[in-house]
Amino acid sequence: MSEQTLQTAGEKQLRYEVQWPRLPLAVYREIAAHLRQVAGVETGLTPQQSQQFDYSQSQVGGLWIQYAETVDWADRQQVDRILAYYSNRYGALEVNRH
């Protein structure tokens, strides 16, 4: 996954965006809620960038994930397992590169 390093309040943050083509908004919300249960992880939805409405497209552009560089390795692994679970269920995720 492509990661972007941010500096906030003296602590480096890792941030990246993922998306699944055609994934419904409700499932994105479920994934975000699941990820927020991991200690130190913040997440949110990114807006859809398309100017044309297409019913087969998702209502959101993707999901951003952010956590401190100091987050425990086990918590990072939990994020990876959550993303793998949804990828197995809904197809390969795409990473938005910055």
Protein backbone atom coordinates (compact mmCIF):
# COMPACT_ATOMS: atom_id res chain seq x y z
CA MET A 1 0.00 0.00 0.00
CA SER A 2 1.14 3.49 -0.70
CA GLU A 3 1.60 5.49 2.46
CA GLN A 4 1.96 9.20 2.94
CA THR A 5 3.73 10.51 6.03
CA LEU A 6 2.17 13.54 7.72
CA GLN A 7 3.49 15.53 10.67
CA THR A 8 0.81 16.48 13.22
CA ALA A 9 1.37 17.74 16.76
CA GLY A 10 4.95 16.48 16.79
CA GLU A 11 4.03 12.92 15.81
CA LYS A 12 4.38 11.48 12.31
CA GLN A 13 1.17 10.07 10.84
CA LEU A 14 0.89 7.45 8.11
CA ARG A 15 -2.04 8.00 5.78
CA TYR A 16 -3.25 6.23 2.67
CA GLU A 17 -6.45 5.82 0.71
CA VAL A 18 -8.05 2.62 -0.54
CA GLN A 19 -11.07 1.94 -2.70
CA TRP A 20 -13.09 -0.90 -4.10
CA PRO A 21 -14.83 -0.20 -7.41
CA ARG A 22 -18.64 -0.39 -7.16
CA LEU A 23 -18.66 -0.91 -3.38
CA PRO A 24 -21.86 0.47 -1.78
CA LEU A 25 -21.71 3.34 0.68
CA ALA A 26 -23.07 1.15 3.50
CA VAL A 27 -20.17 -1.29 3.14
CA TYR A 28 -17.62 1.56 3.16
CA ARG A 29 -19.20 2.75 6.41
CA GLU A 30 -18.98 -0.77 7.82
CA ILE A 31 -15.29 -1.01 6.92
CA ALA A 32 -14.59 2.42 8.46
CA ALA A 33 -16.37 1.42 11.68
CA HIS A 34 -14.45 -1.85 11.79
CA LEU A 35 -11.11 -0.06 11.33
CA ARG A 36 -11.92 2.54 14.00
CA GLN A 37 -12.06 -0.28 16.55
CA VAL A 38 -8.28 -0.69 16.18
CA ALA A 39 -6.39 1.40 18.75
CA GLY A 40 -4.86 4.54 17.24
CA VAL A 41 -6.52 4.22 13.84
CA GLU A 42 -8.54 7.04 12.31
CA THR A 43 -10.50 6.67 9.11
CA GLY A 44 -13.07 8.41 6.97
CA LEU A 45 -14.70 8.48 3.56
CA THR A 46 -13.42 10.45 0.57
CA PRO A 47 -15.88 12.13 -1.79
CA GLN A 48 -16.69 10.71 -5.20
CA GLN A 49 -14.70 12.62 -7.84
CA SER A 50 -16.76 11.75 -10.91
CA GLN A 51 -18.79 14.58 -12.40
CA GLN A 52 -21.21 12.10 -14.02
CA PHE A 53 -23.64 10.01 -12.01
CA ASP A 54 -23.30 6.32 -12.73
CA TYR A 55 -25.52 3.95 -10.77
CA SER A 56 -22.89 1.21 -10.95
CA GLN A 57 -20.28 3.43 -9.28
CA SER A 58 -19.87 3.79 -5.55
CA GLN A 59 -21.36 6.85 -3.90
CA VAL A 60 -17.96 7.64 -2.35
CA GLY A 61 -14.47 7.84 -3.78
CA GLY A 62 -12.85 5.63 -1.20
CA LEU A 63 -11.66 5.35 2.36
CA TRP A 64 -8.70 7.07 4.02
CA ILE A 65 -6.84 5.39 6.84
CA GLN A 66 -4.46 7.18 9.20
CA TYR A 67 -2.46 6.19 12.25
CA ALA A 68 0.67 7.33 14.06
CA GLU A 69 3.99 5.92 12.97
CA THR A 70 4.31 4.65 16.55
CA VAL A 71 1.16 2.49 16.43
CA ASP A 72 1.83 -1.00 17.69
CA TRP A 73 2.83 -3.58 15.07
CA ALA A 74 -0.05 -5.86 16.12
CA ASP A 75 -2.53 -3.03 15.46
CA ARG A 76 -1.04 -2.44 12.00
CA GLN A 77 -1.42 -6.15 11.32
CA GLN A 78 -5.05 -5.96 12.44
CA VAL A 79 -5.68 -3.18 9.89
CA ASP A 80 -4.13 -5.38 7.19
CA ARG A 81 -6.30 -8.34 8.24
CA ILE A 82 -9.46 -6.22 8.13
CA LEU A 83 -8.61 -4.94 4.65
CA ALA A 84 -7.77 -8.49 3.50
CA TYR A 85 -11.12 -9.74 4.78
CA TYR A 86 -13.04 -7.16 2.78
CA SER A 87 -10.81 -7.71 -0.27
CA ASN A 88 -11.56 -11.43 -0.16
CA ARG A 89 -15.24 -10.66 0.07
CA TYR A 90 -15.57 -7.77 -2.41
CA GLY A 91 -12.55 -8.10 -4.69
CA ALA A 92 -9.14 -6.51 -4.80
CA LEU A 93 -8.85 -3.09 -3.32
CA GLU A 94 -7.14 -0.26 -5.15
CA VAL A 95 -4.73 2.11 -3.49
CA ASN A 96 -4.84 5.80 -4.38
CA ARG A 97 -1.30 7.02 -4.75
CA HIS A 98 -0.30 10.53 -3.66
